[in-house]
Protein backbone atom coordinates (compact mmCIF):
# COMPACT_ATOMS: atom_id res chain seq x y z
CA MET A 1 -25.91 4.88 3.03
CA ALA A 2 -27.60 2.58 5.45
CA LYS A 3 -27.82 3.97 8.94
CA GLN A 4 -25.05 3.15 11.42
CA GLY A 5 -25.02 -0.26 13.47
CA ARG A 6 -27.35 -3.20 12.45
CA SER A 7 -28.77 -4.32 9.30
CA LYS A 8 -32.82 -4.56 8.52
CA SER A 9 -32.67 -8.39 8.96
CA GLY A 10 -30.55 -7.28 12.32
CA GLY A 11 -27.39 -9.77 11.57
CA ASP A 12 -24.27 -7.46 12.38
CA GLN A 13 -22.61 -6.12 9.10
CA SER A 14 -19.29 -4.51 7.94
CA VAL A 15 -18.84 -1.16 8.42
CA ASN A 16 -17.13 1.16 6.24
CA LEU A 17 -13.84 1.20 8.53
CA ASP A 18 -13.85 -2.45 7.78
CA PHE A 19 -13.27 -2.63 4.43
CA LEU A 20 -9.96 0.36 4.73
CA ARG A 21 -8.50 -1.76 7.87
CA LYS A 22 -8.92 -5.20 5.67
CA ALA A 23 -7.19 -3.05 2.23
CA MET A 24 -4.66 -1.13 4.69
CA GLU A 25 -3.83 -4.78 6.12
CA TRP A 26 -3.00 -5.78 2.73
CA VAL A 27 -0.67 -3.41 1.95
CA PHE A 28 0.80 -3.54 5.56
CA ASP A 29 2.87 -6.41 6.51
CA GLU A 30 5.17 -6.86 9.37
CA SER A 31 7.63 -7.92 7.21
CA ILE A 32 7.79 -4.73 5.03
CA PHE A 33 10.12 -3.34 7.81
CA GLY A 34 12.11 -6.53 9.43
CA ASN A 35 15.63 -4.77 8.80
CA LEU A 36 14.72 -1.32 10.23
CA LYS A 37 17.34 -0.50 12.26
CA LYS A 38 16.24 1.81 15.21
CA HIS A 39 17.64 3.96 17.67
CA GLY A 40 17.44 2.59 21.58
CA ASN A 41 15.22 5.61 22.91
CA ALA A 42 12.50 4.48 19.82
CA ASN A 43 10.10 2.90 21.16
CA TRP A 44 7.05 2.82 18.52
CA VAL A 45 6.53 0.14 16.39
CA ALA A 46 7.42 0.70 12.49
CA LYS A 47 4.04 -0.86 10.97
CA PRO A 48 1.74 1.38 13.18
CA LEU A 49 3.99 4.28 12.75
CA ALA A 50 3.65 4.15 8.66
CA MET A 51 -0.01 3.78 8.94
CA LEU A 52 0.03 6.59 10.92
CA ALA A 53 2.06 9.07 8.36
CA VAL A 54 -0.24 7.71 5.16
CA LEU A 55 -4.07 8.51 7.79
CA TRP A 56 -2.25 11.85 8.52
CA VAL A 57 -1.52 12.67 4.45
CA TRP A 58 -4.82 11.49 3.91
CA SER A 59 -6.44 14.14 5.78
CA ASN A 60 -7.21 17.36 3.84
CA ASN A 61 -7.20 19.19 7.07
CA PRO A 62 -5.38 22.58 6.15
CA CYS A 63 -3.39 22.48 9.53
CA LEU A 64 -0.67 19.74 9.97
CA THR A 65 -1.57 19.24 13.47
CA GLY A 66 -5.04 19.09 12.74
CA ALA A 67 -4.43 16.81 10.48
CA PHE A 68 -2.47 14.75 12.80
CA GLN A 69 -5.21 14.82 15.54
CA GLU A 70 -7.74 13.40 12.31
CA ALA A 71 -5.36 10.60 11.64
CA SER A 72 -4.77 9.45 15.60
CA THR A 73 -8.98 9.22 15.44
CA TRP A 74 -8.73 7.26 12.57
CA SER A 75 -6.00 5.16 13.78
CA LYS A 76 -7.63 4.07 17.00
CA GLN A 77 -10.64 3.65 15.18
CA LEU A 78 -9.03 1.37 12.55
CA PHE A 79 -6.71 -0.24 14.99
CA GLY A 80 -7.18 0.45 18.33
CA SER A 81 -4.27 2.10 19.30
CA LEU A 82 -2.20 4.71 18.10
CA ALA A 83 1.75 4.19 17.24
CA VAL A 84 3.05 7.85 18.86
CA ASN A 85 0.93 10.42 20.81
CA SER A 86 1.94 13.46 19.26
CA TYR A 87 2.32 15.28 15.68
CA GLN A 88 6.02 16.26 17.14
CA VAL A 89 7.25 12.56 17.78
CA LEU A 90 5.54 11.53 14.57
CA THR A 91 7.54 14.18 12.35
CA THR A 92 10.63 13.35 14.21
CA ALA A 93 9.97 9.87 13.26
CA LEU A 94 9.28 10.24 9.73
CA VAL A 95 12.69 12.86 9.15
CA THR A 96 15.34 10.46 11.44
CA TYR A 97 14.16 7.22 9.73
CA GLY A 98 12.80 8.51 6.57
CA GLU A 99 15.78 7.20 4.38
CA GLN A 100 15.17 3.72 5.66
CA LEU A 101 11.57 3.63 5.92
CA ILE A 102 10.46 5.22 2.63
CA PRO A 103 12.17 2.88 0.20
CA MET A 104 11.18 -0.26 2.12
CA MET A 105 7.42 0.95 1.38
CA TRP A 106 8.51 0.92 -2.26
CA SER A 107 10.03 -2.12 -2.24
CA ARG A 108 6.87 -3.55 -0.96
CA LEU A 109 4.40 -1.13 -3.20
CA HIS A 110 6.64 -2.42 -6.43
CA GLY A 111 5.94 -5.96 -5.81
CA LEU A 112 1.78 -5.55 -5.10
CA MET A 113 2.18 -4.29 -8.23
CA GLU A 114 3.17 -6.92 -10.20
CA GLN A 115 0.78 -9.23 -7.89
CA VAL A 116 -1.83 -7.20 -9.29
CA GLY A 117 -0.53 -5.99 -12.76
CA GLU A 118 -0.99 -9.18 -14.93
CA GLU A 119 -0.68 -8.38 -18.05
CA HIS A 120 -0.08 -3.93 -16.98
CA TRP A 121 3.19 -5.14 -15.08
CA ARG A 122 5.09 -5.25 -18.76
CA ILE A 123 4.64 -4.04 -22.23
CA GLY A 124 5.79 -7.03 -24.48
CA ARG A 125 8.86 -7.93 -22.30
CA TRP A 126 9.60 -4.64 -20.94
CA VAL A 127 9.14 -3.00 -17.51
CA PRO A 128 8.40 0.45 -18.77
CA VAL A 129 9.28 3.06 -16.33
CA ALA A 130 8.88 7.40 -16.99
CA VAL A 131 11.09 9.53 -15.48
CA ASP A 132 10.52 13.30 -14.97
CA GLY A 133 10.77 16.70 -12.50
CA SER A 134 8.91 18.92 -11.22
CA ARG A 135 8.66 21.43 -8.17
CA VAL A 136 6.65 22.07 -5.18
CA SER A 137 6.20 24.80 -3.35
CA THR A 138 7.17 25.93 0.71
CA PRO A 139 6.12 28.13 3.36
CA ARG A 140 8.54 31.04 2.60
CA THR A 141 10.55 30.76 5.98
CA LYS A 142 13.71 31.62 6.36
CA ALA A 143 14.79 27.95 6.77
CA ASN A 144 13.04 27.09 4.09
CA GLU A 145 14.46 29.99 1.58
CA ASP A 146 17.99 28.81 2.98
CA ALA A 147 17.21 25.29 2.14
CA PHE A 148 15.35 25.04 -0.94
CA ARG A 149 15.43 29.07 -3.05
CA ALA A 150 17.97 28.73 -5.70
CA PRO A 151 20.29 31.57 -5.13
CA ASN A 152 21.09 32.60 -8.51
CA TYR A 153 17.68 33.04 -9.76
CA GLY A 154 16.87 35.25 -12.31
CA LYS A 155 20.63 35.91 -12.39
CA SER A 156 21.27 33.91 -16.00
CA ARG A 157 21.95 35.76 -19.20
CA LYS A 158 18.72 34.17 -20.59
CA ALA A 159 16.95 35.06 -17.70
CA LYS A 160 17.95 38.18 -17.93
CA SER A 161 16.91 38.36 -21.48
CA ARG A 162 13.83 36.87 -21.02
CA GLU A 163 13.31 39.70 -18.03
CA LYS A 164 13.79 42.52 -20.20
CA LYS A 165 11.78 41.37 -22.83
CA ARG A 166 8.68 40.99 -20.61
CA LYS A 167 9.30 44.35 -18.60
CA LYS A 168 9.71 46.10 -22.45
CA ARG A 169 5.50 43.98 -23.18
CA ARG A 170 4.55 45.42 -19.73
CA GLY A 171 5.90 49.05 -20.03
CA LYS A 172 6.39 50.46 -16.33
CA LYS A 173 4.30 47.69 -14.21
CA LYS A 174 5.88 46.84 -11.17
CA GLN A 175 7.93 43.55 -11.62
CA ALA A 176 8.68 40.92 -8.95
CA ASP A 177 12.03 40.69 -7.34
CA ALA A 178 13.96 37.38 -8.64
CA LYS A 179 15.31 36.99 -4.96
CA SER A 180 11.83 36.55 -3.80
CA VAL A 181 10.67 33.32 -5.71
CA THR A 182 8.70 31.03 -3.11
CA PRO A 183 10.84 28.24 -2.16
CA GLN A 184 10.28 25.25 -3.86
CA ILE A 185 11.39 21.19 -3.34
CA TRP A 186 12.71 19.45 -6.87
CA ILE A 187 10.87 16.32 -7.41
CA THR A 188 12.42 13.52 -9.64
CA LEU A 189 9.83 11.20 -10.43
CA LEU A 190 10.22 7.21 -11.97
CA TRP A 191 6.26 6.27 -12.69
CA HIS A 192 5.55 2.82 -13.59
CA MET A 193 3.95 3.18 -17.63
CA GLY A 194 1.40 0.05 -17.73
CA MET A 195 0.49 0.48 -14.26
CA ARG A 196 -0.06 4.29 -13.94
CA LEU A 197 1.77 4.71 -10.29
CA PRO A 198 4.80 5.88 -9.04
CA TRP A 199 7.91 3.38 -8.85
CA SER A 200 10.32 6.23 -6.93
CA TRP A 201 11.22 9.50 -6.46
CA LYS A 202 14.69 11.95 -5.63
CA LEU A 203 14.27 15.10 -3.98
CA GLY A 204 16.12 18.25 -3.56
CA PRO A 205 16.11 21.92 -4.03
CA SER A 206 14.89 23.75 -6.69
CA ASN A 207 18.16 24.00 -8.53
CA SER A 208 18.36 20.49 -8.27
CA SER A 209 19.76 18.59 -11.53
CA GLU A 210 16.64 16.03 -12.52
CA ARG A 211 19.79 14.43 -14.64
CA ASP A 212 21.49 14.17 -11.43
CA HIS A 213 18.80 13.03 -9.45
CA PHE A 214 18.65 10.33 -12.05
CA LYS A 215 22.20 9.28 -12.10
CA GLU A 216 22.04 9.04 -8.58
CA MET A 217 18.79 6.76 -8.24
CA LEU A 218 20.16 4.22 -11.62
CA ARG A 219 23.41 4.08 -8.70
CA GLU A 220 21.67 3.33 -5.65
CA GLN A 221 18.26 1.43 -6.52
CA LYS A 222 17.46 -2.16 -7.75
CA PHE A 223 15.19 -2.54 -10.72
CA PRO A 224 13.26 -5.43 -12.50
CA LYS A 225 15.06 -7.36 -15.73
CA ASP A 226 14.36 -5.90 -19.07
CA THR A 227 13.22 -2.45 -17.46
CA LEU A 228 13.22 0.20 -20.09
CA PHE A 229 13.62 3.86 -18.89
CA CYS A 230 11.85 6.38 -21.37
CA GLY A 231 11.94 10.25 -20.87
CA ASP A 232 12.12 13.37 -22.62
CA ALA A 233 14.69 15.64 -24.05
CA GLY A 234 16.31 16.87 -20.98
CA PHE A 235 17.64 13.50 -20.38
CA THR A 236 20.19 13.35 -22.87
CA GLY A 237 24.23 12.69 -22.78
CA TYR A 238 26.91 10.57 -23.20
CA GLU A 239 27.68 9.79 -19.49
CA LEU A 240 23.85 9.12 -18.50
CA TRP A 241 23.28 6.23 -21.64
CA LYS A 242 26.24 4.95 -20.36
CA LEU A 243 25.43 4.49 -17.14
CA ILE A 244 22.13 2.74 -17.64
CA ILE A 245 23.47 0.35 -20.25
CA ASP A 246 26.76 -0.41 -18.06
CA GLN A 247 23.57 -1.33 -15.34
CA GLY A 248 21.99 -3.33 -17.45
CA HIS A 249 18.96 -1.44 -18.16
CA SER A 250 17.52 0.05 -21.56
CA PHE A 251 16.27 3.63 -22.42
CA LEU A 252 14.07 5.39 -25.24
CA ILE A 253 15.29 8.79 -24.70
CA ARG A 254 13.89 11.51 -26.85
CA ILE A 255 15.68 13.25 -28.87
CA GLY A 256 16.41 17.21 -30.24
CA SER A 257 19.26 19.38 -31.87
CA ASN A 258 21.32 19.19 -28.89
CA VAL A 259 22.18 16.00 -29.91
CA ARG A 260 25.13 15.18 -32.68
CA LEU A 261 25.24 11.64 -33.90
CA LEU A 262 27.71 9.54 -35.85
CA LYS A 263 26.47 7.16 -38.69
CA LYS A 264 28.86 4.92 -40.35
CA LEU A 265 31.63 4.11 -37.95
CA GLY A 266 32.32 0.54 -38.65
CA TYR A 267 31.96 -0.73 -35.38
CA TYR A 268 28.59 -2.38 -35.88
CA ALA A 269 29.13 -5.41 -38.09
CA ARG A 270 25.50 -4.68 -39.77
CA GLU A 271 24.39 -1.25 -39.97
CA ARG A 272 20.80 -1.84 -40.99
CA ASN A 273 18.75 1.51 -41.16
CA GLY A 274 18.33 3.57 -37.60
CA ILE A 275 22.10 2.26 -36.60
CA VAL A 276 23.84 5.24 -35.09
CA TYR A 277 26.62 6.22 -32.47
CA VAL A 278 27.18 8.61 -29.59
CA TRP A 279 30.77 9.41 -29.26
CA PRO A 280 31.88 12.69 -28.10
CA ASP A 281 35.29 14.03 -29.04
CA ALA A 282 35.94 13.81 -25.41
CA GLU A 283 34.87 10.52 -24.88
CA ALA A 284 37.09 9.45 -27.93
CA ARG A 285 40.14 10.67 -26.08
CA LYS A 286 39.66 9.38 -23.10
CA LYS A 287 39.68 5.41 -24.80
CA GLN A 288 35.63 5.29 -23.78
CA PRO A 289 33.61 3.23 -26.15
CA PRO A 290 30.99 4.62 -28.55
CA LEU A 291 27.44 3.89 -27.43
CA ILE A 292 25.63 2.02 -30.87
CA LEU A 293 22.31 2.89 -30.56
CA ARG A 294 19.09 2.92 -32.43
CA LEU A 295 17.33 6.13 -34.35
CA ILE A 296 13.37 5.97 -34.55
CA HIS A 297 11.47 8.79 -35.95
CA PHE A 298 7.67 8.75 -36.28
CA LYS A 299 4.96 11.91 -36.86
CA GLY A 300 3.92 13.10 -33.52
CA ASP A 301 0.94 15.82 -32.92
CA GLN A 302 3.15 18.27 -32.74
CA GLY A 303 5.15 17.60 -35.39
CA ASP A 304 8.62 14.93 -35.97
CA VAL A 305 9.71 13.16 -32.91
CA TYR A 306 13.17 11.45 -32.81
CA LEU A 307 13.84 8.76 -30.20
CA LEU A 308 16.91 6.93 -29.25
CA THR A 309 17.42 3.78 -27.23
CA ASN A 310 20.06 1.36 -27.00
CA VAL A 311 17.48 -1.75 -28.19
CA LEU A 312 18.72 -2.50 -31.21
CA ASN A 313 17.10 -5.33 -32.37
CA SER A 314 13.15 -4.13 -33.65
CA ARG A 315 11.91 -7.42 -32.60
CA ASN A 316 12.55 -6.59 -29.24
CA LEU A 317 11.03 -3.12 -29.64
CA SER A 318 9.48 -1.95 -32.71
CA ASP A 319 8.78 1.33 -33.59
CA ALA A 320 5.03 0.79 -33.12
CA GLN A 321 6.02 -0.32 -30.11
CA ALA A 322 8.47 2.82 -29.12
CA SER A 323 5.98 5.31 -30.63
CA GLN A 324 3.17 3.64 -28.05
CA MET A 325 5.90 4.08 -25.01
CA TYR A 326 6.96 7.37 -25.80
CA ARG A 327 2.88 9.03 -25.59
CA LEU A 328 2.27 6.81 -22.38
CA ARG A 329 5.14 8.83 -20.88
CA TRP A 330 2.62 11.70 -21.01
CA GLY A 331 0.87 10.29 -17.96
CA ILE A 332 3.31 11.20 -15.68
CA GLU A 333 2.61 14.76 -16.28
CA LEU A 334 -0.77 13.90 -14.99
CA GLN A 335 1.00 12.16 -11.84
CA PHE A 336 1.96 15.87 -11.28
CA ARG A 337 -1.06 17.73 -11.88
CA THR A 338 -2.59 14.97 -9.42
CA LEU A 339 -0.45 15.30 -6.58
CA LYS A 340 -0.30 18.99 -6.95
CA GLN A 341 -3.98 19.84 -7.31
CA THR A 342 -6.27 16.93 -6.78
CA PHE A 343 -4.24 15.52 -3.78
CA GLY A 344 -3.61 19.46 -2.60
CA ARG A 345 0.25 19.65 -2.34
CA ARG A 346 1.18 22.40 -4.34
CA LYS A 347 2.10 24.21 -1.60
CA LEU A 348 3.47 21.83 1.14
CA ARG A 349 2.64 22.88 4.70
CA SER A 350 6.02 22.46 6.52
CA ARG A 351 7.94 24.85 7.85
CA THR A 352 10.93 23.23 7.70
CA PRO A 353 13.06 21.57 5.30
CA ASP A 354 13.49 18.39 6.87
CA ARG A 355 9.67 17.92 7.47
CA ALA A 356 8.74 19.39 4.23
CA TYR A 357 10.81 16.74 2.64
CA ALA A 358 8.65 13.96 4.92
CA GLU A 359 5.67 15.04 4.11
CA LEU A 360 6.33 15.38 0.47
CA ALA A 361 7.40 11.77 1.15
CA TRP A 362 4.39 10.38 2.89
CA SER A 363 2.54 12.40 0.43
CA LEU A 364 3.44 10.33 -2.34
CA ILE A 365 3.12 7.12 -1.07
CA GLY A 366 -0.18 8.27 0.95
CA LEU A 367 -1.47 8.76 -2.82
CA TRP A 368 0.12 5.71 -4.01
CA ILE A 369 -1.61 3.65 -2.19
CA ALA A 370 -4.97 5.08 -2.68
CA HIS A 371 -4.55 5.36 -6.60
CA LEU A 372 -3.19 1.14 -6.42
CA PHE A 373 -6.28 0.33 -3.87
CA ALA A 374 -8.67 1.27 -7.19
CA VAL A 375 -6.51 -0.27 -9.82
CA LYS A 376 -6.26 -3.54 -8.27
CA GLU A 377 -10.24 -3.17 -8.07
CA GLN A 378 -10.67 -1.95 -11.75
CA ILE A 379 -8.14 -5.12 -12.97
CA THR A 380 -10.29 -7.51 -11.26
CA ILE A 381 -13.26 -6.30 -13.63
CA GLY A 382 -11.27 -6.30 -16.53
CA GLU A 383 -10.23 -2.64 -16.43
CA PRO A 384 -7.18 -1.29 -17.61
CA PRO A 385 -5.19 1.41 -15.34
CA SER A 386 -5.36 4.12 -17.40
CA HIS A 387 -9.28 4.60 -16.70
CA THR A 388 -8.58 4.49 -13.24
CA SER A 389 -9.19 8.05 -11.42
CA ALA A 390 -6.36 8.83 -8.85
CA GLY A 391 -8.70 11.94 -7.81
CA MET A 392 -11.90 9.70 -7.20
CA ALA A 393 -10.11 7.00 -5.52
CA ILE A 394 -8.77 9.04 -2.60
CA GLN A 395 -12.29 10.90 -1.95
CA VAL A 396 -12.95 7.14 -1.68
CA VAL A 397 -10.60 6.58 0.85
CA ARG A 398 -11.68 10.19 2.50
CA GLN A 399 -15.19 8.83 2.72
CA MET A 400 -14.66 5.87 4.11
CA LEU A 401 -12.64 7.64 6.87
CA LEU A 402 -15.00 10.40 7.23
CA PHE A 403 -18.24 7.99 7.37
CA GLY A 404 -16.46 5.15 9.05
CA ARG A 405 -18.92 3.47 11.73
CA GLU A 406 -21.92 3.47 8.62
CA ILE A 407 -22.81 0.43 7.00
CA PRO A 408 -22.81 0.66 3.30
CA ASP A 409 -25.31 -0.50 0.89
CA ASP A 410 -23.89 -3.32 -1.54
CA ASP A 411 -23.44 -1.08 -4.21
CA GLU A 412 -21.43 1.45 -2.30
CA ASP A 413 -18.86 -0.19 -0.10
CA MET A 414 -15.29 0.29 -0.67
CA THR A 415 -15.05 -2.33 -3.49
CA ALA A 416 -18.15 -1.27 -5.52
CA LEU A 417 -16.65 2.81 -5.06
CA LEU A 418 -13.32 1.84 -6.24
CA GLN A 419 -14.49 0.11 -9.01
CA GLN A 420 -16.54 3.07 -10.41
CA ALA A 421 -13.63 5.31 -9.35
CA MET A 422 -12.63 5.76 -13.51
CA VAL A 423 -12.07 8.99 -15.66
CA ASP A 424 -14.69 9.52 -18.60
CA THR A 425 -14.02 7.74 -21.05
CA TYR A 426 -16.11 9.85 -23.90
CA HIS A 427 -14.51 10.33 -27.22
CA ARG A 428 -13.94 13.98 -27.84
CA SER A 429 -16.07 15.53 -31.23
CA SER A 430 -13.05 17.99 -31.66
CA LYS A 431 -9.39 18.07 -31.07
CA LYS A 432 -8.36 19.11 -27.68
CA GLN A 433 -5.83 22.30 -28.58
CA GLY A 434 -3.01 23.30 -26.16
CA ARG A 435 -3.63 26.77 -24.58
CA TYR A 436 -0.15 28.08 -25.18
CA ASN A 437 0.83 31.80 -24.62
CA PRO A 438 -0.62 33.97 -27.51
CA ARG A 439 3.02 35.83 -27.17
CA ILE A 440 4.71 32.35 -28.22
CA LYS A 441 4.42 32.15 -31.78
CA ASP A 442 5.73 28.31 -32.33
CA LYS A 443 5.04 25.65 -30.62
CA PRO A 444 7.79 23.96 -28.19
CA SER A 445 9.76 21.79 -30.24
CA SER A 446 13.13 19.55 -29.51
CA GLY A 447 14.14 19.73 -33.17
CA LYS A 448 16.17 17.54 -35.43
CA PRO A 449 19.55 15.80 -34.13
CA LYS A 450 22.32 16.79 -35.80
CA ILE A 451 23.64 13.13 -37.72
CA LYS A 452 27.11 13.12 -39.48
CA LYS A 453 29.01 10.50 -41.65
CA ALA A 454 32.12 9.16 -39.05
CA THR A 455 35.45 10.91 -40.47
CA ALA A 456 38.69 9.30 -40.92
CA GLU A 457 40.13 10.81 -37.61
CA HIS A 458 36.98 9.05 -35.87
CA LYS A 459 37.81 5.14 -37.28
CA ARG A 460 41.22 5.86 -36.21
CA LYS A 461 40.22 6.34 -32.76
CA LEU A 462 38.13 3.49 -33.13
CA LYS A 463 40.86 1.22 -34.33
CA GLU A 464 43.20 2.64 -31.30
CA TYR A 465 40.00 1.65 -29.03
CA LYS A 466 39.65 -1.63 -30.49
CA GLU A 467 43.31 -2.31 -30.02
CA ILE A 468 43.26 -1.18 -26.35
CA LEU A 469 40.68 -3.98 -25.99
CA SER A 470 42.26 -6.73 -27.80
CA THR A 471 45.42 -5.98 -25.86
CA ALA A 472 43.25 -6.03 -22.19
CA ALA A 473 41.63 -9.30 -23.29
C-alpha cells in the first residue's frame, strides 16, 4: 500500500476508510429503522447504533469489551461520532431492541440482494431458499447452562445404546459425563441458494426443533412470490408441508424410508408419472385433505436421492432443475463452516443468554454484509456468487479498518480487493472423498420412501372428504 497522506502528485486521495464508509452507507439507510419504537429513556439513534454493532462483530479481538473499544475507535474515524459510549449500553440496546432491529436489517439486505443479484436472484421462476440447522457453543456459565443445555442430553434409549457401544470400544477409558455437555445455541438458518447469502434465522437452546423453528418463520415472515424452500430429510411431515402450501409457497424436500406415500388415490384427474399423495390416517380421520405432490428420483454421489415437491408441472420445475437446486443446498453447510471457523464463532464469548443471542445475531448480520460487499463487486465483473470467498471478504473489510488512514494503490483499493476475493476455481484431478469414521461401515443414506397403492378405504375417505367440500361450497 502507498504511504499515508497525499499522493505523489500532491493531490488528495481517498484512504481505505473512505471506501469502507461508502460501502457501509450503501447498506445502512435512515429509512431502515423508520418504524422502530423506542422507550423514552433511549437517547441513541438506530442507524449509528447498528453500524457500531457491525463494527463490533467485525473485530477479531477475543475480548468483547476489547472489540467494543476497537469498534468505537473505528466508528469515530469513519463517521466522526459514536452511537453509545459503553459496551454495557450497546449490548443492553441490542438485547432490548433486537426483535425490532434484526428483522429491519433482514428486510434491507433482502432488498439489496435483489437489487444487485441480477440472474442469481431467481433460478428459473423461483427464489431458492435452503433451510438447515446447526449449533454454536457458549461459555459454560451457570446462566448459559440453565438457558441452553439440553436437560435430557444422553438419556434417550438411542443415546444410551450409543454410549454403551462407545464404552465397549474404548474399554476402561474414562467417559465424559453426559451432563457436562457445553451449552449451545441452536440456529435454524434460511439461506438464499442463488446469492449464497443468509436470508433469516431463528435461535433457541440446543434441544430446539429445527422443524418447529421453520414453522414459526413461515408464520412470522414474508417471502417473495414463488419462493421455493429446499431442505434435507429433517424437514418432512404432513403438517409442515401443508403449512408451506397454505402460505402460498413451494418446497423441494429430500425424503427417505420414514416417509409413506400413496399412489393412484384418484384425487388428481391426470395422475401422470411421479404424482403421489401424503395422507396420514390421523389427518384423514380429521377430514384434512390429502397433499398432492410429485416424486423426483435421481442418482446422487452417494446413491439414490428422492425429492418431494408440490410443484406438479415439470415445466415449472424440471427434474434437472430440482437436481441442480438440491445440490446447491449443500452450500448452506459451507455457510455454517464460514460462521464458525472463518468468522470465529464456533464458541461465542457472551456469558449471559440474552447477550449470547445478540452476539450471534449481529455476527450473522456482520458476516452477511461483508459477504454481500464482495458478491456485489464480483457480479459487476461477471463472476457468479459461487466464486465468492466469504473469508477473503472478511479479511478485506478488516484490512480497511486496520490500515484505515493509508492511501491504497489503484489495484489495492477496497473495490479491487473485493473483486479478487474468490475461491480457487481449479479442477480436481481426483475425486474428493468424504472422511467418514472408519468404524462406520456404511455412508449415511436416507433410504427409499415407502410407496403403496391406495386402498378402497383410502378412496372411501376421499369420497367423504369431497362430499364435505361440496356441502361447504
